């Protein structure tokens, strides 16, 4: 299965977190490669470009934590049966 078909399948299944993870992974991998190429010519520029994958890592970590907390809260509070009082006639 090609990566495009896999990403399309994730999109159709509404798996937003997995798509977000793949996006951050692609951004981090691309910026590491670009930083390596620039480091061959100018070391300080190559090292400064490495900030992009660091920010991507921090962002994906915070998104995963927020996603887990929201999902936990939704499952905890929304799955409780409602306490209803009988209606008075």
Protein backbone atom coordinates (compact mmCIF):
# COMPACT_ATOMS: atom_id res chain seq x y z
CA UNK A 1 0.00 0.00 0.00
CA UNK A 2 1.45 3.34 -0.98
CA UNK A 3 1.71 6.21 1.47
CA UNK A 4 -0.83 8.28 -0.49
CA UNK A 5 -3.41 5.47 -0.33
CA UNK A 6 -2.72 5.03 3.38
CA UNK A 7 -3.19 8.74 4.09
CA UNK A 8 -6.37 8.76 2.01
CA UNK A 9 -7.66 5.81 4.02
CA UNK A 10 -6.89 7.64 7.28
CA UNK A 11 -8.73 10.71 6.00
CA UNK A 12 -11.78 8.70 4.98
CA UNK A 13 -11.86 6.96 8.38
CA UNK A 14 -11.74 10.36 10.16
CA UNK A 15 -8.52 9.51 12.02
CA UNK A 16 -7.36 13.09 12.46
CA UNK A 17 -4.73 12.39 15.09
CA UNK A 18 -2.94 9.87 12.89
CA UNK A 19 -2.96 12.34 9.99
CA UNK A 20 -1.58 15.02 12.28
CA UNK A 21 1.20 12.71 13.43
CA UNK A 22 2.16 11.87 9.84
CA UNK A 23 2.19 15.57 8.95
CA UNK A 24 4.51 16.42 11.81
CA UNK A 25 6.72 13.44 10.98
CA UNK A 26 7.00 14.54 7.35
CA UNK A 27 7.77 18.12 8.42
CA UNK A 28 10.43 16.97 10.87
CA UNK A 29 12.08 14.56 8.40
CA UNK A 30 12.12 17.14 5.61
CA UNK A 31 13.56 19.86 7.81
CA UNK A 32 16.26 17.52 9.16
CA UNK A 33 17.30 16.69 5.60
CA UNK A 34 17.30 20.37 4.61
CA UNK A 35 19.29 21.24 7.74
CA UNK A 36 21.84 18.57 6.87
CA UNK A 37 22.27 19.92 3.35
CA UNK A 38 22.62 23.51 4.58
CA UNK A 39 25.06 22.38 7.29
CA UNK A 40 27.42 21.18 4.56
CA UNK A 41 27.78 24.77 3.38
CA UNK A 42 27.08 26.83 6.49
CA UNK A 43 27.12 25.06 9.84
CA UNK A 44 25.37 27.76 11.87
CA UNK A 45 22.51 27.96 9.36
CA UNK A 46 22.12 24.17 9.38
CA UNK A 47 21.98 24.08 13.17
CA UNK A 48 19.47 26.93 13.28
CA UNK A 49 17.18 25.09 10.86
CA UNK A 50 17.09 22.20 13.34
CA UNK A 51 14.76 24.33 15.45
CA UNK A 52 11.90 23.39 13.08
CA UNK A 53 11.88 19.65 13.93
CA UNK A 54 12.25 20.52 17.62
CA UNK A 55 9.15 22.71 17.44
CA UNK A 56 7.35 19.96 15.47
CA UNK A 57 8.22 17.44 18.19
CA UNK A 58 6.97 19.74 20.94
CA UNK A 59 3.78 20.48 19.01
CA UNK A 60 2.99 16.81 18.34
CA UNK A 61 3.66 15.98 21.99
CA UNK A 62 1.30 18.70 23.19
CA UNK A 63 -1.35 17.67 20.65
CA UNK A 64 -1.21 14.04 21.75
CA UNK A 65 -1.50 15.02 25.41
CA UNK A 66 -4.40 17.40 24.73
CA UNK A 67 -6.14 14.80 22.53
CA UNK A 68 -5.83 12.16 25.25
CA UNK A 69 -7.14 14.48 27.95
CA UNK A 70 -10.11 15.60 25.86
CA UNK A 71 -10.94 12.01 24.93
CA UNK A 72 -10.68 10.94 28.56
CA UNK A 73 -12.93 13.78 29.69
CA UNK A 74 -15.47 13.05 26.96
CA UNK A 75 -15.59 9.35 27.78
CA UNK A 76 -15.79 10.02 31.51
CA UNK A 77 -18.50 12.67 31.51
CA UNK A 78 -20.55 11.85 28.42
CA UNK A 79 -20.97 8.13 28.99
CA UNK A 80 -22.58 8.48 32.41
CA UNK A 81 -26.29 7.75 32.42
CA UNK A 82 -28.39 10.80 33.07
CA UNK A 83 -30.20 10.90 36.38
CA UNK A 84 -33.75 11.75 35.58
CA UNK A 85 -36.44 12.45 38.07
CA UNK A 86 -39.92 11.19 37.39
CA UNK A 87 -42.25 13.86 36.10
CA UNK A 88 -45.03 14.96 38.43
CA UNK A 89 -48.54 14.89 37.03
